[in-house]
């Protein structure tokens, strides 16, 4: 009923549970759930778009973190706090 891949088990479980609840409520409707990967083909342009988007996001994140730590240290210096 369920293949060894975990990505296929959840839709099967949802299908079984929802149809069971529908039967308990005396409904004649039935749900059919299937699992299909969203990205099935090789598309180099899409891979490049995703890669450069994530790369740009990481660069912005990496550029913003050092000033955050520096400002924290400056604030600690101003109030003359010490770590015990």
PDB file of N, CA and C in Angstrom:
ATOM      1  N   UNK A   1       0.816  -1.191   0.000  1.00  0.00           N
ATOM      2  CA  UNK A   1       0.000   0.000   0.000  1.00  0.00           C
ATOM      3  C   UNK A   1       0.866   1.263   0.000  1.00  0.00           C
ATOM      4  N   UNK A   2       2.006   1.191   0.632  1.00  0.00           N
ATOM      5  CA  UNK A   2       2.887   2.349   0.735  1.00  0.00           C
ATOM      6  C   UNK A   2       4.290   1.929   0.321  1.00  0.00           C
ATOM      7  N   UNK A   3       4.887   2.679  -0.571  1.00  0.00           N
ATOM      8  CA  UNK A   3       6.236   2.322  -1.013  1.00  0.00           C
ATOM      9  C   UNK A   3       7.238   2.670   0.084  1.00  0.00           C
ATOM     10  N   UNK A   4       8.458   2.137   0.009  1.00  0.00           N
ATOM     11  CA  UNK A   4       9.445   2.396   1.068  1.00  0.00           C
ATOM     12  C   UNK A   4       9.890   3.852   1.173  1.00  0.00           C
ATOM     13  N   UNK A   5       9.625   4.652   0.160  1.00  0.00           N
ATOM     14  CA  UNK A   5      10.034   6.053   0.197  1.00  0.00           C
ATOM     15  C   UNK A   5       9.076   6.845   1.081  1.00  0.00           C
ATOM     16  N   UNK A   6       9.595   7.637   2.016  1.00  0.00           N
ATOM     17  CA  UNK A   6       8.721   8.372   2.927  1.00  0.00           C
ATOM     18  C   UNK A   6       7.854   9.419   2.237  1.00  0.00           C
ATOM     19  N   UNK A   7       8.285   9.902   1.069  1.00  0.00           N
ATOM     20  CA  UNK A   7       7.499  10.934   0.389  1.00  0.00           C
ATOM     21  C   UNK A   7       6.166  10.377  -0.090  1.00  0.00           C
ATOM     22  N   UNK A   8       6.090   9.062  -0.286  1.00  0.00           N
ATOM     23  CA  UNK A   8       4.848   8.464  -0.754  1.00  0.00           C
ATOM     24  C   UNK A   8       3.946   8.012   0.376  1.00  0.00           C
ATOM     25  N   UNK A   9       4.457   7.861   1.563  1.00  0.00           N
ATOM     26  CA  UNK A   9       3.651   7.344   2.675  1.00  0.00           C
ATOM     27  C   UNK A   9       2.646   8.367   3.196  1.00  0.00           C
ATOM     28  N   UNK A  10       3.016   9.624   3.262  1.00  0.00           N
ATOM     29  CA  UNK A  10       2.117  10.625   3.831  1.00  0.00           C
ATOM     30  C   UNK A  10       0.842  10.801   2.998  1.00  0.00           C
ATOM     31  N   UNK A  11       0.921  10.936   1.663  1.00  0.00           N
ATOM     32  CA  UNK A  11      -0.326  11.047   0.897  1.00  0.00           C
ATOM     33  C   UNK A  11      -1.221   9.821   1.030  1.00  0.00           C
ATOM     34  N   UNK A  12      -0.633   8.637   1.123  1.00  0.00           N
ATOM     35  CA  UNK A  12      -1.437   7.426   1.299  1.00  0.00           C
ATOM     36  C   UNK A  12      -2.134   7.462   2.652  1.00  0.00           C
ATOM     37  N   UNK A  13      -1.429   7.871   3.687  1.00  0.00           N
ATOM     38  CA  UNK A  13      -2.017   7.970   5.017  1.00  0.00           C
ATOM     39  C   UNK A  13      -3.150   8.991   5.045  1.00  0.00           C
ATOM     40  N   UNK A  14      -2.955  10.131   4.414  1.00  0.00           N
ATOM     41  CA  UNK A  14      -3.995  11.161   4.343  1.00  0.00           C
ATOM     42  C   UNK A  14      -5.213  10.621   3.617  1.00  0.00           C
ATOM     43  N   UNK A  15      -4.997   9.893   2.543  1.00  0.00           N
ATOM     44  CA  UNK A  15      -6.100   9.319   1.777  1.00  0.00           C
ATOM     45  C   UNK A  15      -6.900   8.337   2.633  1.00  0.00           C
ATOM     46  N   UNK A  16      -6.220   7.457   3.334  1.00  0.00           N
ATOM     47  CA  UNK A  16      -6.904   6.457   4.165  1.00  0.00           C
ATOM     48  C   UNK A  16      -7.694   7.132   5.282  1.00  0.00           C
ATOM     49  N   UNK A  17      -7.060   8.080   5.979  1.00  0.00           N
ATOM     50  CA  UNK A  17      -7.736   8.752   7.095  1.00  0.00           C
ATOM     51  C   UNK A  17      -8.934   9.583   6.641  1.00  0.00           C
ATOM     52  N   UNK A  18      -8.768  10.343   5.567  1.00  0.00           N
ATOM     53  CA  UNK A  18      -9.870  11.198   5.137  1.00  0.00           C
ATOM     54  C   UNK A  18     -11.035  10.378   4.618  1.00  0.00           C
ATOM     55  N   UNK A  19     -10.765   9.291   3.899  1.00  0.00           N
ATOM     56  CA  UNK A  19     -11.869   8.445   3.440  1.00  0.00           C
ATOM     57  C   UNK A  19     -12.543   7.731   4.603  1.00  0.00           C
ATOM     58  N   UNK A  20     -11.784   7.376   5.634  1.00  0.00           N
ATOM     59  CA  UNK A  20     -12.382   6.764   6.818  1.00  0.00           C
ATOM     60  C   UNK A  20     -13.305   7.750   7.527  1.00  0.00           C
ATOM     61  N   UNK A  21     -12.857   8.993   7.683  1.00  0.00           N
ATOM     62  CA  UNK A  21     -13.708  10.003   8.318  1.00  0.00           C
ATOM     63  C   UNK A  21     -14.957  10.288   7.487  1.00  0.00           C
ATOM     64  N   UNK A  22     -14.809  10.286   6.172  1.00  0.00           N
ATOM     65  CA  UNK A  22     -15.981  10.495   5.318  1.00  0.00           C
ATOM     66  C   UNK A  22     -16.980   9.356   5.479  1.00  0.00           C
ATOM     67  N   UNK A  23     -16.509   8.129   5.572  1.00  0.00           N
ATOM     68  CA  UNK A  23     -17.411   6.985   5.768  1.00  0.00           C
ATOM     69  C   UNK A  23     -18.100   7.061   7.126  1.00  0.00           C
ATOM     70  N   UNK A  24     -17.358   7.503   8.152  1.00  0.00           N
ATOM     71  CA  UNK A  24     -17.960   7.632   9.481  1.00  0.00           C
ATOM     72  C   UNK A  24     -19.074   8.681   9.498  1.00  0.00           C
ATOM     73  N   UNK A  25     -18.960   9.677   8.649  1.00  0.00           N
ATOM     74  CA  UNK A  25     -19.968  10.737   8.578  1.00  0.00           C
ATOM     75  C   UNK A  25     -21.059  10.425   7.560  1.00  0.00           C
ATOM     76  N   UNK A  26     -21.087   9.183   7.083  1.00  0.00           N
ATOM     77  CA  UNK A  26     -22.095   8.715   6.116  1.00  0.00           C
ATOM     78  C   UNK A  26     -22.098   9.539   4.828  1.00  0.00           C
ATOM     79  N   UNK A  27     -20.946   9.899   4.358  1.00  0.00           N
ATOM     80  CA  UNK A  27     -20.841  10.655   3.122  1.00  0.00           C
ATOM     81  C   UNK A  27     -20.589   9.693   1.971  1.00  0.00           C
ATOM     82  N   UNK A  28     -21.092  10.058   0.802  1.00  0.00           N
ATOM     83  CA  UNK A  28     -20.858   9.222  -0.375  1.00  0.00           C
ATOM     84  C   UNK A  28     -19.627   9.690  -1.147  1.00  0.00           C
ATOM     85  N   UNK A  29     -19.089  10.819  -0.770  1.00  0.00           N
ATOM     86  CA  UNK A  29     -17.910  11.354  -1.462  1.00  0.00           C
ATOM     87  C   UNK A  29     -16.670  10.571  -1.052  1.00  0.00           C
ATOM     88  N   UNK A  30     -15.723  10.485  -1.937  1.00  0.00           N
ATOM     89  CA  UNK A  30     -14.450   9.839  -1.663  1.00  0.00           C
ATOM     90  C   UNK A  30     -13.333  10.742  -2.154  1.00  0.00           C
ATOM     91  N   UNK A  31     -12.248  10.758  -1.425  1.00  0.00           N
ATOM     92  CA  UNK A  31     -11.074  11.536  -1.807  1.00  0.00           C
ATOM     93  C   UNK A  31     -10.039  10.610  -2.427  1.00  0.00           C
ATOM     94  N   UNK A  32      -9.364  11.114  -3.417  1.00  0.00           N
ATOM     95  CA  UNK A  32      -8.283  10.372  -4.031  1.00  0.00           C
ATOM     96  C   UNK A  32      -7.028  11.237  -3.972  1.00  0.00           C
ATOM     97  N   UNK A  33      -6.000  10.720  -3.363  1.00  0.00           N
ATOM     98  CA  UNK A  33      -4.757  11.467  -3.177  1.00  0.00           C
ATOM     99  C   UNK A  33      -3.644  10.712  -3.880  1.00  0.00           C
ATOM    100  N   UNK A  34      -2.784  11.445  -4.575  1.00  0.00           N
ATOM    101  CA  UNK A  34      -1.641  10.816  -5.206  1.00  0.00           C
ATOM    102  C   UNK A  34      -0.416  11.663  -4.984  1.00  0.00           C
ATOM    103  N   UNK A  35       0.707  11.035  -5.100  1.00  0.00           N
ATOM    104  CA  UNK A  35       1.974  11.706  -4.856  1.00  0.00           C
ATOM    105  C   UNK A  35       2.727  11.827  -6.169  1.00  0.00           C
ATOM    106  N   UNK A  36       3.090  13.044  -6.492  1.00  0.00           N
ATOM    107  CA  UNK A  36       3.871  13.283  -7.697  1.00  0.00           C
ATOM    108  C   UNK A  36       4.860  14.394  -7.381  1.00  0.00           C
ATOM    109  N   UNK A  37       6.087  14.212  -7.759  1.00  0.00           N
ATOM    110  CA  UNK A  37       7.096  15.225  -7.480  1.00  0.00           C
ATOM    111  C   UNK A  37       6.783  16.502  -8.245  1.00  0.00           C
ATOM    112  N   UNK A  38       7.043  17.628  -7.632  1.00  0.00           N
ATOM    113  CA  UNK A  38       6.788  18.902  -8.287  1.00  0.00           C
ATOM    114  C   UNK A  38       7.765  19.152  -9.426  1.00  0.00           C
ATOM    115  N   UNK A  39       8.988  18.796  -9.210  1.00  0.00           N
ATOM    116  CA  UNK A  39      10.031  19.068 -10.198  1.00  0.00           C
ATOM    117  C   UNK A  39      10.540  17.740 -10.738  1.00  0.00           C
ATOM    118  N   UNK A  40      10.090  17.381 -11.927  1.00  0.00           N
ATOM    119  CA  UNK A  40      10.452  16.070 -12.460  1.00  0.00           C
ATOM    120  C   UNK A  40      11.450  16.148 -13.605  1.00  0.00           C
ATOM    121  N   UNK A  41      11.605  17.286 -14.229  1.00  0.00           N
ATOM    122  CA  UNK A  41      12.484  17.372 -15.387  1.00  0.00           C
ATOM    123  C   UNK A  41      13.788  18.072 -15.076  1.00  0.00           C
ATOM    124  N   UNK A  42      14.710  17.931 -15.968  1.00  0.00           N
ATOM    125  CA  UNK A  42      15.986  18.625 -15.840  1.00  0.00           C
ATOM    126  C   UNK A  42      15.871  19.965 -16.558  1.00  0.00           C
ATOM    127  N   UNK A  43      15.864  21.016 -15.794  1.00  0.00           N
ATOM    128  CA  UNK A  43      15.784  22.353 -16.361  1.00  0.00           C
ATOM    129  C   UNK A  43      16.950  23.159 -15.801  1.00  0.00           C
ATOM    130  N   UNK A  44      17.976  23.338 -16.614  1.00  0.00           N
ATOM    131  CA  UNK A  44      19.179  24.038 -16.169  1.00  0.00           C
ATOM    132  C   UNK A  44      18.929  25.485 -15.801  1.00  0.00           C
ATOM    133  N   UNK A  45      18.028  26.137 -16.542  1.00  0.00           N
ATOM    134  CA  UNK A  45      17.742  27.545 -16.269  1.00  0.00           C
ATOM    135  C   UNK A  45      17.086  27.705 -14.894  1.00  0.00           C
ATOM    136  N   UNK A  46      16.187  26.813 -14.548  1.00  0.00           N
ATOM    137  CA  UNK A  46      15.535  26.876 -13.247  1.00  0.00           C
ATOM    138  C   UNK A  46      16.535  26.606 -12.129  1.00  0.00           C
ATOM    139  N   UNK A  47      17.428  25.649 -12.331  1.00  0.00           N
ATOM    140  CA  UNK A  47      18.442  25.356 -11.315  1.00  0.00           C
ATOM    141  C   UNK A  47      19.342  26.559 -11.088  1.00  0.00           C
ATOM    142  N   UNK A  48      19.748  27.228 -12.164  1.00  0.00           N
ATOM    143  CA  UNK A  48      20.581  28.424 -12.032  1.00  0.00           C
ATOM    144  C   UNK A  48      19.832  29.536 -11.309  1.00  0.00           C
ATOM    145  N   UNK A  49      18.564  29.704 -11.629  1.00  0.00           N
ATOM    146  CA  UNK A  49      17.751  30.736 -10.988  1.00  0.00           C
ATOM    147  C   UNK A  49      17.662  30.487  -9.482  1.00  0.00           C
ATOM    148  N   UNK A  50      17.392  29.256  -9.111  1.00  0.00           N
ATOM    149  CA  UNK A  50      17.292  28.914  -7.686  1.00  0.00           C
ATOM    150  C   UNK A  50      18.642  29.082  -6.999  1.00  0.00           C
ATOM    151  N   UNK A  51      19.708  28.599  -7.648  1.00  0.00           N
ATOM    152  CA  UNK A  51      21.041  28.695  -7.050  1.00  0.00           C
ATOM    153  C   UNK A  51      21.438  30.142  -6.809  1.00  0.00           C
ATOM    154  N   UNK A  52      21.298  30.998  -7.817  1.00  0.00           N
ATOM    155  CA  UNK A  52      21.724  32.389  -7.668  1.00  0.00           C
ATOM    156  C   UNK A  52      20.807  33.157  -6.716  1.00  0.00           C
ATOM    157  N   UNK A  53      19.536  32.790  -6.653  1.00  0.00           N
ATOM    158  CA  UNK A  53      18.643  33.412  -5.684  1.00  0.00           C
ATOM    159  C   UNK A  53      19.060  33.092  -4.255  1.00  0.00           C
ATOM    160  N   UNK A  54      19.339  31.822  -4.004  1.00  0.00           N
ATOM    161  CA  UNK A  54      19.782  31.431  -2.663  1.00  0.00           C
ATOM    162  C   UNK A  54      21.164  31.982  -2.344  1.00  0.00           C
ATOM    163  N   UNK A  55      22.034  32.017  -3.331  1.00  0.00           N
ATOM    164  CA  UNK A  55      23.378  32.554  -3.138  1.00  0.00           C
ATOM    165  C   UNK A  55      23.312  34.038  -2.770  1.00  0.00           C
ATOM    166  N   UNK A  56      22.461  34.792  -3.454  1.00  0.00           N
ATOM    167  CA  UNK A  56      22.300  36.215  -3.155  1.00  0.00           C
ATOM    168  C   UNK A  56      21.742  36.406  -1.750  1.00  0.00           C
ATOM    169  N   UNK A  57      20.773  35.585  -1.381  1.00  0.00           N
ATOM    170  CA  UNK A  57      20.196  35.659  -0.040  1.00  0.00           C
ATOM    171  C   UNK A  57      21.266  35.393   1.021  1.00  0.00           C
ATOM    172  N   UNK A  58      22.100  34.399   0.809  1.00  0.00           N
ATOM    173  CA  UNK A  58      23.158  34.084   1.772  1.00  0.00           C
ATOM    174  C   UNK A  58      24.203  35.184   1.844  1.00  0.00           C
ATOM    175  N   UNK A  59      24.508  35.820   0.717  1.00  0.00           N
ATOM    176  CA  UNK A  59      25.453  36.933   0.743  1.00  0.00           C
ATOM    177  C   UNK A  59      24.919  38.102   1.557  1.00  0.00           C
ATOM    178  N   UNK A  60      23.646  38.423   1.392  1.00  0.00           N
ATOM    179  CA  UNK A  60      23.045  39.512   2.162  1.00  0.00           C
ATOM    180  C   UNK A  60      23.029  39.148   3.635  1.00  0.00           C
ATOM    181  N   UNK A  61      22.696  37.908   3.942  1.00  0.00           N
ATOM    182  CA  UNK A  61      22.692  37.460   5.323  1.00  0.00           C
ATOM    183  C   UNK A  61      24.093  37.511   5.923  1.00  0.00           C
ATOM    184  N   UNK A  62      25.083  37.050   5.169  1.00  0.00           N
ATOM    185  CA  UNK A  62      26.458  37.045   5.665  1.00  0.00           C
ATOM    186  C   UNK A  62      26.985  38.470   5.842  1.00  0.00           C
ATOM    187  N   UNK A  63      26.522  39.402   5.010  1.00  0.00           N
ATOM    188  CA  UNK A  63      26.973  40.786   5.142  1.00  0.00           C
ATOM    189  C   UNK A  63      26.333  41.469   6.346  1.00  0.00           C
ATOM    190  N   UNK A  64      25.170  41.002   6.785  1.00  0.00           N
ATOM    191  CA  UNK A  64      24.484  41.650   7.893  1.00  0.00           C
ATOM    192  C   UNK A  64      24.836  41.111   9.259  1.00  0.00           C
ATOM    193  N   UNK A  65      25.400  39.916   9.344  1.00  0.00           N
ATOM    194  CA  UNK A  65      25.686  39.337  10.647  1.00  0.00           C
ATOM    195  C   UNK A  65      26.871  39.953  11.378  1.00  0.00           C
ATOM    196  N   UNK A  66      28.021  40.200  10.756  1.00  0.00           N
ATOM    197  CA  UNK A  66      29.147  40.781  11.506  1.00  0.00           C
ATOM    198  C   UNK A  66      28.836  42.124  12.166  1.00  0.00           C
ATOM    199  N   UNK A  67      28.135  43.061  11.503  1.00  0.00           N
ATOM    200  CA  UNK A  67      27.793  44.299  12.211  1.00  0.00           C
ATOM    201  C   UNK A  67      26.889  44.061  13.427  1.00  0.00           C
ATOM    202  N   UNK A  68      26.048  43.056  13.352  1.00  0.00           N
ATOM    203  CA  UNK A  68      25.187  42.737  14.484  1.00  0.00           C
ATOM    204  C   UNK A  68      26.018  42.333  15.697  1.00  0.00           C
ATOM    205  N   UNK A  69      26.996  41.479  15.493  1.00  0.00           N
ATOM    206  CA  UNK A  69      27.863  41.072  16.587  1.00  0.00           C
ATOM    207  C   UNK A  69      28.723  42.241  17.080  1.00  0.00           C
ATOM    208  N   UNK A  70      29.174  43.073  16.152  1.00  0.00           N
ATOM    209  CA  UNK A  70      29.993  44.213  16.546  1.00  0.00           C
ATOM    210  C   UNK A  70      29.191  45.204  17.397  1.00  0.00           C
ATOM    211  N   UNK A  71      27.954  45.444  17.010  1.00  0.00           N
ATOM    212  CA  UNK A  71      27.128  46.374  17.775  1.00  0.00           C
ATOM    213  C   UNK A  71      26.825  45.812  19.160  1.00  0.00           C
ATOM    214  N   UNK A  72      26.667  44.510  19.250  1.00  0.00           N
ATOM    215  CA  UNK A  72      26.440  43.892  20.548  1.00  0.00           C
ATOM    216  C   UNK A  72      27.652  44.100  21.453  1.00  0.00           C
ATOM    217  N   UNK A  73      28.843  43.937  20.899  1.00  0.00           N
ATOM    218  CA  UNK A  73      30.061  44.140  21.688  1.00  0.00           C
ATOM    219  C   UNK A  73      30.232  45.599  22.089  1.00  0.00           C
ATOM    220  N   UNK A  74      29.879  46.534  21.215  1.00  0.00           N
ATOM    221  CA  UNK A  74      29.987  47.956  21.539  1.00  0.00           C
ATOM    222  C   UNK A  74      29.021  48.307  22.673  1.00  0.00           C
ATOM    223  N   UNK A  75      27.806  47.764  22.621  1.00  0.00           N
ATOM    224  CA  UNK A  75      26.839  48.020  23.686  1.00  0.00           C
ATOM    225  C   UNK A  75      27.337  47.448  25.016  1.00  0.00           C
ATOM    226  N   UNK A  76      27.928  46.275  24.969  1.00  0.00           N
ATOM    227  CA  UNK A  76      28.484  45.680  26.189  1.00  0.00           C
ATOM    228  C   UNK A  76      29.606  46.557  26.745  1.00  0.00           C
ATOM    229  N   UNK A  77      30.415  47.109  25.854  1.00  0.00           N
ATOM    230  CA  UNK A  77      31.523  47.966  26.289  1.00  0.00           C
ATOM    231  C   UNK A  77      30.991  49.244  26.925  1.00  0.00           C
ATOM    232  N   UNK A  78      29.910  49.802  26.346  1.00  0.00           N
ATOM    233  CA  UNK A  78      29.345  51.053  26.864  1.00  0.00           C
ATOM    234  C   UNK A  78      28.819  50.888  28.272  1.00  0.00           C
ATOM    235  N   UNK A  79      28.153  49.782  28.541  1.00  0.00           N
ATOM    236  CA  UNK A  79      27.580  49.587  29.874  1.00  0.00           C
ATOM    237  C   UNK A  79      28.549  48.887  30.814  1.00  0.00           C
ATOM    238  N   UNK A  80      29.765  48.622  30.302  1.00  0.00           N
ATOM    239  CA  UNK A  80      30.827  47.989  31.061  1.00  0.00           C
ATOM    240  C   UNK A  80      30.395  46.652  31.673  1.00  0.00           C
ATOM    241  N   UNK A  81      29.724  45.843  30.842  1.00  0.00           N
ATOM    242  CA  UNK A  81      29.284  44.533  31.338  1.00  0.00           C
ATOM    243  C   UNK A  81      30.447  43.540  31.245  1.00  0.00           C
ATOM    244  N   UNK A  82      30.396  42.575  32.149  1.00  0.00           N
ATOM    245  CA  UNK A  82      31.428  41.521  32.151  1.00  0.00           C
ATOM    246  C   UNK A  82      30.747  40.165  32.196  1.00  0.00           C
ATOM    247  N   UNK A  83      31.388  39.184  31.597  1.00  0.00           N
ATOM    248  CA  UNK A  83      30.896  37.799  31.642  1.00  0.00           C
ATOM    249  C   UNK A  83      31.594  37.080  32.783  1.00  0.00           C
ATOM    250  N   UNK A  84      30.805  36.555  33.678  1.00  0.00           N
ATOM    251  CA  UNK A  84      31.401  35.849  34.820  1.00  0.00           C
ATOM    252  C   UNK A  84      31.340  34.362  34.614  1.00  0.00           C
TER     253      UNK A  84
END
